[in-house]
Amino acid sequence: DTTVDYTLNGWCPSGLVEAPSFLGYEYSARHLASWG
């Protein structure tokens, strides 16, 4: 994850994908959802 183009433009240059940082805690989100 080397650029911040999405931050200002809402898109990434060709050959790059948006870095989904918000999915990085899914291991905990699913665990806590299982506890209500």
PDB file of all heavy atoms in Angstrom:
ATOM      1  N   ASP A   1       0.857  -1.191   0.000  1.00  0.00           N
ATOM      2  CA  ASP A   1       0.000   0.000   0.000  1.00  0.00           C
ATOM      3  C   ASP A   1       0.892   1.240   0.000  1.00  0.00           C
ATOM      4  O   ASP A   1       1.302   1.738   1.049  1.00  0.00           O
ATOM      5  CB  ASP A   1      -0.923  -0.026   1.222  1.00  0.00           C
ATOM      6  CG  ASP A   1      -1.815  -1.255   1.235  1.00  0.00           C
ATOM      7  OD1 ASP A   1      -2.166  -1.737   0.146  1.00  0.00           O
ATOM      8  OD2 ASP A   1      -2.152  -1.734   2.337  1.00  0.00           O
ATOM      9  N   THR A   2       1.178   1.732  -1.199  1.00  0.00           N
ATOM     10  CA  THR A   2       2.245   2.714  -1.362  1.00  0.00           C
ATOM     11  C   THR A   2       1.775   4.116  -1.725  1.00  0.00           C
ATOM     12  O   THR A   2       2.580   5.048  -1.699  1.00  0.00           O
ATOM     13  CB  THR A   2       3.223   2.235  -2.449  1.00  0.00           C
ATOM     14  OG1 THR A   2       2.491   1.979  -3.662  1.00  0.00           O
ATOM     15  CG2 THR A   2       3.927   0.952  -2.022  1.00  0.00           C
ATOM     16  N   THR A   3       0.513   4.317  -2.085  1.00  0.00           N
ATOM     17  CA  THR A   3       0.062   5.654  -2.463  1.00  0.00           C
ATOM     18  C   THR A   3      -1.219   6.014  -1.713  1.00  0.00           C
ATOM     19  O   THR A   3      -1.876   5.157  -1.115  1.00  0.00           O
ATOM     20  CB  THR A   3      -0.208   5.771  -3.988  1.00  0.00           C
ATOM     21  OG1 THR A   3      -1.501   5.211  -4.294  1.00  0.00           O
ATOM     22  CG2 THR A   3       0.859   5.061  -4.805  1.00  0.00           C
ATOM     23  N   VAL A   4      -1.581   7.301  -1.760  1.00  0.00           N
ATOM     24  CA  VAL A   4      -2.809   7.775  -1.097  1.00  0.00           C
ATOM     25  C   VAL A   4      -3.737   8.439  -2.118  1.00  0.00           C
ATOM     26  O   VAL A   4      -4.516   9.330  -1.774  1.00  0.00           O
ATOM     27  CB  VAL A   4      -2.475   8.750   0.056  1.00  0.00           C
ATOM     28  CG1 VAL A   4      -1.754   8.021   1.165  1.00  0.00           C
ATOM     29  CG2 VAL A   4      -1.665   9.936  -0.434  1.00  0.00           C
ATOM     30  N   ASP A   5      -3.680   7.990  -3.361  1.00  0.00           N
ATOM     31  CA  ASP A   5      -4.520   8.596  -4.407  1.00  0.00           C
ATOM     32  C   ASP A   5      -5.998   8.538  -4.056  1.00  0.00           C
ATOM     33  O   ASP A   5      -6.746   9.478  -4.337  1.00  0.00           O
ATOM     34  CB  ASP A   5      -4.273   7.888  -5.750  1.00  0.00           C
ATOM     35  CG  ASP A   5      -2.874   8.131  -6.284  1.00  0.00           C
ATOM     36  OD1 ASP A   5      -1.968   7.365  -5.897  1.00  0.00           O
ATOM     37  OD2 ASP A   5      -2.682   9.091  -7.037  1.00  0.00           O
ATOM     38  N   TYR A   6      -6.443   7.432  -3.448  1.00  0.00           N
ATOM     39  CA  TYR A   6      -7.866   7.305  -3.160  1.00  0.00           C
ATOM     40  C   TYR A   6      -8.324   8.384  -2.174  1.00  0.00           C
ATOM     41  O   TYR A   6      -9.466   8.855  -2.238  1.00  0.00           O
ATOM     42  CB  TYR A   6      -8.190   5.916  -2.595  1.00  0.00           C
ATOM     43  CG  TYR A   6      -9.670   5.626  -2.629  1.00  0.00           C
ATOM     44  CD1 TYR A   6     -10.223   4.915  -3.681  1.00  0.00           C
ATOM     45  CD2 TYR A   6     -10.529   6.112  -1.642  1.00  0.00           C
ATOM     46  CE1 TYR A   6     -11.599   4.682  -3.743  1.00  0.00           C
ATOM     47  CE2 TYR A   6     -11.890   5.883  -1.691  1.00  0.00           C
ATOM     48  CZ  TYR A   6     -12.419   5.172  -2.747  1.00  0.00           C
ATOM     49  OH  TYR A   6     -13.774   4.971  -2.814  1.00  0.00           O
ATOM     50  N   THR A   7      -7.451   8.794  -1.294  1.00  0.00           N
ATOM     51  CA  THR A   7      -7.808   9.759  -0.262  1.00  0.00           C
ATOM     52  C   THR A   7      -8.361  11.048  -0.863  1.00  0.00           C
ATOM     53  O   THR A   7      -9.378  11.579  -0.406  1.00  0.00           O
ATOM     54  CB  THR A   7      -6.576  10.093   0.592  1.00  0.00           C
ATOM     55  OG1 THR A   7      -5.995   8.875   1.054  1.00  0.00           O
ATOM     56  CG2 THR A   7      -6.945  10.976   1.772  1.00  0.00           C
ATOM     57  N   LEU A   8      -7.703  11.546  -1.887  1.00  0.00           N
ATOM     58  CA  LEU A   8      -8.080  12.833  -2.485  1.00  0.00           C
ATOM     59  C   LEU A   8      -9.006  12.678  -3.680  1.00  0.00           C
ATOM     60  O   LEU A   8      -9.830  13.559  -3.946  1.00  0.00           O
ATOM     61  CB  LEU A   8      -6.825  13.599  -2.897  1.00  0.00           C
ATOM     62  CG  LEU A   8      -5.854  13.945  -1.753  1.00  0.00           C
ATOM     63  CD1 LEU A   8      -4.613  14.611  -2.308  1.00  0.00           C
ATOM     64  CD2 LEU A   8      -6.537  14.841  -0.732  1.00  0.00           C
ATOM     65  N   ASN A   9      -8.886  11.558  -4.416  1.00  0.00           N
ATOM     66  CA  ASN A   9      -9.589  11.429  -5.693  1.00  0.00           C
ATOM     67  C   ASN A   9     -10.772  10.474  -5.667  1.00  0.00           C
ATOM     68  O   ASN A   9     -11.643  10.538  -6.539  1.00  0.00           O
ATOM     69  CB  ASN A   9      -8.608  10.950  -6.779  1.00  0.00           C
ATOM     70  CG  ASN A   9      -7.390  11.843  -6.885  1.00  0.00           C
ATOM     71  OD1 ASN A   9      -7.499  13.063  -6.791  1.00  0.00           O
ATOM     72  ND2 ASN A   9      -6.213  11.235  -7.078  1.00  0.00           N
ATOM     73  N   GLY A  10     -10.776   9.556  -4.708  1.00  0.00           N
ATOM     74  CA  GLY A  10     -11.832   8.551  -4.694  1.00  0.00           C
ATOM     75  C   GLY A  10     -11.600   7.427  -5.670  1.00  0.00           C
ATOM     76  O   GLY A  10     -12.509   6.644  -5.959  1.00  0.00           O
ATOM     77  N   TRP A  11     -10.390   7.318  -6.198  1.00  0.00           N
ATOM     78  CA  TRP A  11     -10.043   6.210  -7.091  1.00  0.00           C
ATOM     79  C   TRP A  11      -8.543   5.979  -7.015  1.00  0.00           C
ATOM     80  O   TRP A  11      -7.781   6.830  -6.551  1.00  0.00           O
ATOM     81  CB  TRP A  11     -10.458   6.483  -8.533  1.00  0.00           C
ATOM     82  CG  TRP A  11     -10.046   7.842  -9.063  1.00  0.00           C
ATOM     83  CD1 TRP A  11     -10.792   8.976  -9.073  1.00  0.00           C
ATOM     84  CD2 TRP A  11      -8.777   8.203  -9.631  1.00  0.00           C
ATOM     85  NE1 TRP A  11     -10.090  10.032  -9.602  1.00  0.00           N
ATOM     86  CE2 TRP A  11      -8.845   9.577  -9.966  1.00  0.00           C
ATOM     87  CE3 TRP A  11      -7.598   7.512  -9.901  1.00  0.00           C
ATOM     88  CZ2 TRP A  11      -7.783  10.266 -10.547  1.00  0.00           C
ATOM     89  CZ3 TRP A  11      -6.527   8.187 -10.482  1.00  0.00           C
ATOM     90  CH2 TRP A  11      -6.629   9.545 -10.806  1.00  0.00           C
ATOM     91  N   CYS A  12      -8.124   4.782  -7.462  1.00  0.00           N
ATOM     92  CA  CYS A  12      -6.709   4.420  -7.477  1.00  0.00           C
ATOM     93  C   CYS A  12      -6.211   4.345  -8.916  1.00  0.00           C
ATOM     94  O   CYS A  12      -6.975   4.008  -9.834  1.00  0.00           O
ATOM     95  CB  CYS A  12      -6.492   3.064  -6.802  1.00  0.00           C
ATOM     96  SG  CYS A  12      -6.745   3.098  -5.016  1.00  0.00           S
ATOM     97  N   PRO A  13      -4.946   4.642  -9.158  1.00  0.00           N
ATOM     98  CA  PRO A  13      -4.388   4.544 -10.506  1.00  0.00           C
ATOM     99  C   PRO A  13      -4.481   3.129 -11.059  1.00  0.00           C
ATOM    100  O   PRO A  13      -4.610   2.151 -10.307  1.00  0.00           O
ATOM    101  CB  PRO A  13      -2.925   4.972 -10.317  1.00  0.00           C
ATOM    102  CG  PRO A  13      -2.892   5.725  -9.034  1.00  0.00           C
ATOM    103  CD  PRO A  13      -3.955   5.118  -8.181  1.00  0.00           C
ATOM    104  N   SER A  14      -4.385   3.017 -12.342  1.00  0.00           N
ATOM    105  CA  SER A  14      -4.431   1.722 -13.005  1.00  0.00           C
ATOM    106  C   SER A  14      -3.344   0.802 -12.445  1.00  0.00           C
ATOM    107  O   SER A  14      -2.204   1.210 -12.237  1.00  0.00           O
ATOM    108  CB  SER A  14      -4.220   1.904 -14.513  1.00  0.00           C
ATOM    109  OG  SER A  14      -4.192   0.651 -15.164  1.00  0.00           O
ATOM    110  N   GLY A  15      -3.727  -0.425 -12.175  1.00  0.00           N
ATOM    111  CA  GLY A  15      -2.788  -1.401 -11.645  1.00  0.00           C
ATOM    112  C   GLY A  15      -2.777  -1.474 -10.129  1.00  0.00           C
ATOM    113  O   GLY A  15      -2.152  -2.376  -9.558  1.00  0.00           O
ATOM    114  N   LEU A  16      -3.470  -0.529  -9.466  1.00  0.00           N
ATOM    115  CA  LEU A  16      -3.549  -0.530  -8.016  1.00  0.00           C
ATOM    116  C   LEU A  16      -4.996  -0.728  -7.574  1.00  0.00           C
ATOM    117  O   LEU A  16      -5.928  -0.446  -8.331  1.00  0.00           O
ATOM    118  CB  LEU A  16      -3.009   0.781  -7.436  1.00  0.00           C
ATOM    119  CG  LEU A  16      -1.574   1.164  -7.777  1.00  0.00           C
ATOM    120  CD1 LEU A  16      -1.196   2.470  -7.083  1.00  0.00           C
ATOM    121  CD2 LEU A  16      -0.588   0.061  -7.402  1.00  0.00           C
ATOM    122  N   VAL A  17      -5.178  -1.187  -6.350  1.00  0.00           N
ATOM    123  CA  VAL A  17      -6.516  -1.404  -5.796  1.00  0.00           C
ATOM    124  C   VAL A  17      -6.639  -0.614  -4.497  1.00  0.00           C
ATOM    125  O   VAL A  17      -5.637  -0.301  -3.837  1.00  0.00           O
ATOM    126  CB  VAL A  17      -6.784  -2.895  -5.528  1.00  0.00           C
ATOM    127  CG1 VAL A  17      -6.730  -3.692  -6.813  1.00  0.00           C
ATOM    128  CG2 VAL A  17      -5.786  -3.459  -4.500  1.00  0.00           C
ATOM    129  N   GLU A  18      -7.889  -0.285  -4.113  1.00  0.00           N
ATOM    130  CA  GLU A  18      -8.072   0.396  -2.845  1.00  0.00           C
ATOM    131  C   GLU A  18      -7.684  -0.526  -1.691  1.00  0.00           C
ATOM    132  O   GLU A  18      -8.049  -1.703  -1.661  1.00  0.00           O
ATOM    133  CB  GLU A  18      -9.523   0.840  -2.659  1.00  0.00           C
ATOM    134  CG  GLU A  18      -9.720   1.644  -1.368  1.00  0.00           C
ATOM    135  CD  GLU A  18     -11.162   1.993  -1.071  1.00  0.00           C
ATOM    136  OE1 GLU A  18     -12.053   1.607  -1.849  1.00  0.00           O
ATOM    137  OE2 GLU A  18     -11.398   2.653  -0.030  1.00  0.00           O
ATOM    138  N   ALA A  19      -6.946   0.019  -0.734  1.00  0.00           N
ATOM    139  CA  ALA A  19      -6.544  -0.744   0.448  1.00  0.00           C
ATOM    140  C   ALA A  19      -7.704  -0.758   1.446  1.00  0.00           C
ATOM    141  O   ALA A  19      -8.071   0.292   1.980  1.00  0.00           O
ATOM    142  CB  ALA A  19      -5.305  -0.123   1.078  1.00  0.00           C
ATOM    143  N   PRO A  20      -8.291  -1.927   1.720  1.00  0.00           N
ATOM    144  CA  PRO A  20      -9.473  -1.992   2.602  1.00  0.00           C
ATOM    145  C   PRO A  20      -9.088  -2.104   4.073  1.00  0.00           C
ATOM    146  O   PRO A  20      -9.368  -3.108   4.746  1.00  0.00           O
ATOM    147  CB  PRO A  20     -10.183  -3.250   2.101  1.00  0.00           C
ATOM    148  CG  PRO A  20      -9.064  -4.149   1.671  1.00  0.00           C
ATOM    149  CD  PRO A  20      -7.975  -3.245   1.138  1.00  0.00           C
ATOM    150  N   SER A  21      -8.497  -1.051   4.624  1.00  0.00           N
ATOM    151  CA  SER A  21      -8.048  -1.099   6.015  1.00  0.00           C
ATOM    152  C   SER A  21      -9.184  -1.445   6.966  1.00  0.00           C
ATOM    153  O   SER A  21      -8.962  -2.073   8.013  1.00  0.00           O
ATOM    154  CB  SER A  21      -7.435   0.244   6.415  1.00  0.00           C
ATOM    155  OG  SER A  21      -6.252   0.504   5.695  1.00  0.00           O
ATOM    156  N   PHE A  22     -10.405  -1.040   6.631  1.00  0.00           N
ATOM    157  CA  PHE A  22     -11.540  -1.256   7.531  1.00  0.00           C
ATOM    158  C   PHE A  22     -11.895  -2.722   7.697  1.00  0.00           C
ATOM    159  O   PHE A  22     -12.605  -3.090   8.635  1.00  0.00           O
ATOM    160  CB  PHE A  22     -12.753  -0.462   7.038  1.00  0.00           C
ATOM    161  CG  PHE A  22     -13.437  -1.032   5.822  1.00  0.00           C
ATOM    162  CD1 PHE A  22     -14.672  -1.656   5.919  1.00  0.00           C
ATOM    163  CD2 PHE A  22     -12.859  -0.937   4.561  1.00  0.00           C
ATOM    164  CE1 PHE A  22     -15.315  -2.169   4.809  1.00  0.00           C
ATOM    165  CE2 PHE A  22     -13.492  -1.432   3.432  1.00  0.00           C
ATOM    166  CZ  PHE A  22     -14.722  -2.060   3.553  1.00  0.00           C
ATOM    167  N   LEU A  23     -11.406  -3.589   6.796  1.00  0.00           N
ATOM    168  CA  LEU A  23     -11.664  -5.023   6.930  1.00  0.00           C
ATOM    169  C   LEU A  23     -10.600  -5.720   7.765  1.00  0.00           C
ATOM    170  O   LEU A  23     -10.692  -6.923   8.007  1.00  0.00           O
ATOM    171  CB  LEU A  23     -11.736  -5.675   5.545  1.00  0.00           C
ATOM    172  CG  LEU A  23     -12.862  -5.196   4.631  1.00  0.00           C
ATOM    173  CD1 LEU A  23     -12.797  -5.911   3.285  1.00  0.00           C
ATOM    174  CD2 LEU A  23     -14.227  -5.403   5.282  1.00  0.00           C
ATOM    175  N   GLY A  24      -9.613  -4.960   8.228  1.00  0.00           N
ATOM    176  CA  GLY A  24      -8.475  -5.562   8.911  1.00  0.00           C
ATOM    177  C   GLY A  24      -8.751  -6.058  10.315  1.00  0.00           C
ATOM    178  O   GLY A  24      -7.902  -6.727  10.912  1.00  0.00           O
ATOM    179  N   TYR A  25      -9.925  -5.736  10.863  1.00  0.00           N
ATOM    180  CA  TYR A  25     -10.280  -6.203  12.213  1.00  0.00           C
ATOM    181  C   TYR A  25     -11.457  -7.166  12.149  1.00  0.00           C
ATOM    182  O   TYR A  25     -12.154  -7.381  13.155  1.00  0.00           O
ATOM    183  CB  TYR A  25     -10.617  -5.009  13.113  1.00  0.00           C
ATOM    184  CG  TYR A  25      -9.615  -3.890  12.969  1.00  0.00           C
ATOM    185  CD1 TYR A  25      -9.930  -2.747  12.232  1.00  0.00           C
ATOM    186  CD2 TYR A  25      -8.340  -3.987  13.507  1.00  0.00           C
ATOM    187  CE1 TYR A  25      -9.012  -1.726  12.047  1.00  0.00           C
ATOM    188  CE2 TYR A  25      -7.411  -2.971  13.335  1.00  0.00           C
ATOM    189  CZ  TYR A  25      -7.749  -1.848  12.607  1.00  0.00           C
ATOM    190  OH  TYR A  25      -6.834  -0.848  12.422  1.00  0.00           O
ATOM    191  N   GLU A  26     -11.668  -7.764  10.974  1.00  0.00           N
ATOM    192  CA  GLU A  26     -12.809  -8.653  10.802  1.00  0.00           C
ATOM    193  C   GLU A  26     -12.728  -9.847  11.749  1.00  0.00           C
ATOM    194  O   GLU A  26     -13.753 -10.368  12.201  1.00  0.00           O
ATOM    195  CB  GLU A  26     -12.901  -9.118   9.351  1.00  0.00           C
ATOM    196  CG  GLU A  26     -14.215  -9.750   9.007  1.00  0.00           C
ATOM    197  CD  GLU A  26     -14.549  -9.616   7.532  1.00  0.00           C
ATOM    198  OE1 GLU A  26     -13.922 -10.325   6.724  1.00  0.00           O
ATOM    199  OE2 GLU A  26     -15.435  -8.805   7.183  1.00  0.00           O
ATOM    200  N   TYR A  27     -11.513 -10.284  12.071  1.00  0.00           N
ATOM    201  CA  TYR A  27     -11.352 -11.398  13.012  1.00  0.00           C
ATOM    202  C   TYR A  27     -11.997 -11.078  14.355  1.00  0.00           C
ATOM    203  O   TYR A  27     -12.535 -11.961  15.034  1.00  0.00           O
ATOM    204  CB  TYR A  27      -9.874 -11.751  13.186  1.00  0.00           C
ATOM    205  CG  TYR A  27      -9.012 -10.626  13.753  1.00  0.00           C
ATOM    206  CD1 TYR A  27      -8.839 -10.466  15.124  1.00  0.00           C
ATOM    207  CD2 TYR A  27      -8.360  -9.728  12.911  1.00  0.00           C
ATOM    208  CE1 TYR A  27      -8.052  -9.450  15.643  1.00  0.00           C
ATOM    209  CE2 TYR A  27      -7.567  -8.709  13.415  1.00  0.00           C
ATOM    210  CZ  TYR A  27      -7.418  -8.566  14.780  1.00  0.00           C
ATOM    211  OH  TYR A  27      -6.638  -7.551  15.289  1.00  0.00           O
ATOM    212  N   SER A  28     -11.957  -9.814  14.764  1.00  0.00           N
ATOM    213  CA  SER A  28     -12.576  -9.411  16.030  1.00  0.00           C
ATOM    214  C   SER A  28     -14.043  -9.062  15.849  1.00  0.00           C
ATOM    215  O   SER A  28     -14.875  -9.379  16.713  1.00  0.00           O
ATOM    216  CB  SER A  28     -11.828  -8.210  16.616  1.00  0.00           C
ATOM    217  OG  SER A  28     -12.387  -7.815  17.846  1.00  0.00           O
ATOM    218  N   ALA A  29     -14.388  -8.401  14.741  1.00  0.00           N
ATOM    219  CA  ALA A  29     -15.780  -8.014  14.499  1.00  0.00           C
ATOM    220  C   ALA A  29     -16.690  -9.243  14.472  1.00  0.00           C
ATOM    221  O   ALA A  29     -17.772  -9.248  15.081  1.00  0.00           O
ATOM    222  CB  ALA A  29     -15.883  -7.241  13.190  1.00  0.00           C
ATOM    223  N   ARG A  30     -16.268 -10.282  13.781  1.00  0.00           N
ATOM    224  CA  ARG A  30     -17.084 -11.498  13.712  1.00  0.00           C
ATOM    225  C   ARG A  30     -17.169 -12.181  15.074  1.00  0.00           C
ATOM    226  O   ARG A  30     -18.224 -12.707  15.459  1.00  0.00           O
ATOM    227  CB  ARG A  30     -16.504 -12.448  12.663  1.00  0.00           C
ATOM    228  CG  ARG A  30     -16.737 -11.957  11.231  1.00  0.00           C
ATOM    229  CD  ARG A  30     -16.017 -12.804  10.212  1.00  0.00           C
ATOM    230  NE  ARG A  30     -16.428 -12.459   8.845  1.00  0.00           N
ATOM    231  CZ  ARG A  30     -15.782 -12.831   7.753  1.00  0.00           C
ATOM    232  NH1 ARG A  30     -14.675 -13.569   7.843  1.00  0.00           N
ATOM    233  NH2 ARG A  30     -16.230 -12.479   6.556  1.00  0.00           N
ATOM    234  N   HIS A  31     -16.060 -12.185  15.801  1.00  0.00           N
ATOM    235  CA  HIS A  31     -16.053 -12.790  17.131  1.00  0.00           C
ATOM    236  C   HIS A  31     -17.034 -12.070  18.054  1.00  0.00           C
ATOM    237  O   HIS A  31     -17.845 -12.710  18.754  1.00  0.00           O
ATOM    238  CB  HIS A  31     -14.633 -12.708  17.686  1.00  0.00           C
ATOM    239  CG  HIS A  31     -14.447 -13.349  19.029  1.00  0.00           C
ATOM    240  ND1 HIS A  31     -14.833 -14.631  19.311  1.00  0.00           N
ATOM    241  CD2 HIS A  31     -13.900 -12.874  20.185  1.00  0.00           C
ATOM    242  CE1 HIS A  31     -14.534 -14.933  20.558  1.00  0.00           C
ATOM    243  NE2 HIS A  31     -13.982 -13.875  21.124  1.00  0.00           N
ATOM    244  N   LEU A  32     -16.999 -10.750  18.043  1.00  0.00           N
ATOM    245  CA  LEU A  32     -17.883  -9.975  18.920  1.00  0.00           C
ATOM    246  C   LEU A  32     -19.345 -10.059  18.467  1.00  0.00           C
ATOM    247  O   LEU A  32     -20.255 -10.069  19.299  1.00  0.00           O
ATOM    248  CB  LEU A  32     -17.409  -8.534  18.982  1.00  0.00           C
ATOM    249  CG  LEU A  32     -16.120  -8.352  19.812  1.00  0.00           C
ATOM    250  CD1 LEU A  32     -15.417  -7.060  19.468  1.00  0.00           C
ATOM    251  CD2 LEU A  32     -16.443  -8.411  21.303  1.00  0.00           C
ATOM    252  N   ALA A  33     -19.572 -10.137  17.148  1.00  0.00           N
ATOM    253  CA  ALA A  33     -20.942 -10.320  16.661  1.00  0.00           C
ATOM    254  C   ALA A  33     -21.515 -11.644  17.161  1.00  0.00           C
ATOM    255  O   ALA A  33     -22.705 -11.734  17.483  1.00  0.00           O
ATOM    256  CB  ALA A  33     -20.972 -10.255  15.138  1.00  0.00           C
ATOM    257  N   SER A  34     -20.658 -12.659  17.259  1.00  0.00           N
ATOM    258  CA  SER A  34     -21.138 -13.959  17.756  1.00  0.00           C
ATOM    259  C   SER A  34     -21.506 -13.901  19.235  1.00  0.00           C
ATOM    260  O   SER A  34     -22.188 -14.791  19.745  1.00  0.00           O
ATOM    261  CB  SER A  34     -20.073 -15.042  17.523  1.00  0.00           C
ATOM    262  OG  SER A  34     -19.047 -14.998  18.504  1.00  0.00           O
ATOM    263  N   TRP A  35     -21.078 -12.852  19.915  1.00  0.00           N
ATOM    264  CA  TRP A  35     -21.430 -12.651  21.318  1.00  0.00           C
ATOM    265  C   TRP A  35     -22.521 -11.601  21.498  1.00  0.00           C
ATOM    266  O   TRP A  35     -22.757 -11.111  22.605  1.00  0.00           O
ATOM    267  CB  TRP A  35     -20.192 -12.271  22.127  1.00  0.00           C
ATOM    268  CG  TRP A  35     -19.317 -13.457  22.395  1.00  0.00           C
ATOM    269  CD1 TRP A  35     -18.208 -13.850  21.699  1.00  0.00           C
ATOM    270  CD2 TRP A  35     -19.508 -14.437  23.418  1.00  0.00           C
ATOM    271  NE1 TRP A  35     -17.689 -15.000  22.218  1.00  0.00           N
ATOM    272  CE2 TRP A  35     -18.464 -15.392  23.283  1.00  0.00           C
ATOM    273  CE3 TRP A  35     -20.439 -14.614  24.427  1.00  0.00           C
ATOM    274  CZ2 TRP A  35     -18.350 -16.495  24.125  1.00  0.00           C
ATOM    275  CZ3 TRP A  35     -20.326 -15.713  25.271  1.00  0.00           C
ATOM    276  CH2 TRP A  35     -19.293 -16.641  25.117  1.00  0.00           C
ATOM    277  N   GLY A  36     -23.166 -11.233  20.408  1.00  0.00           N
ATOM    278  CA  GLY A  36     -24.335 -10.374  20.521  1.00  0.00           C
ATOM    279  C   GLY A  36     -24.068  -8.891  20.387  1.00  0.00           C
ATOM    280  O   GLY A  36     -24.894  -8.075  20.822  1.00  0.00           O
TER     281      GLY A  36
END
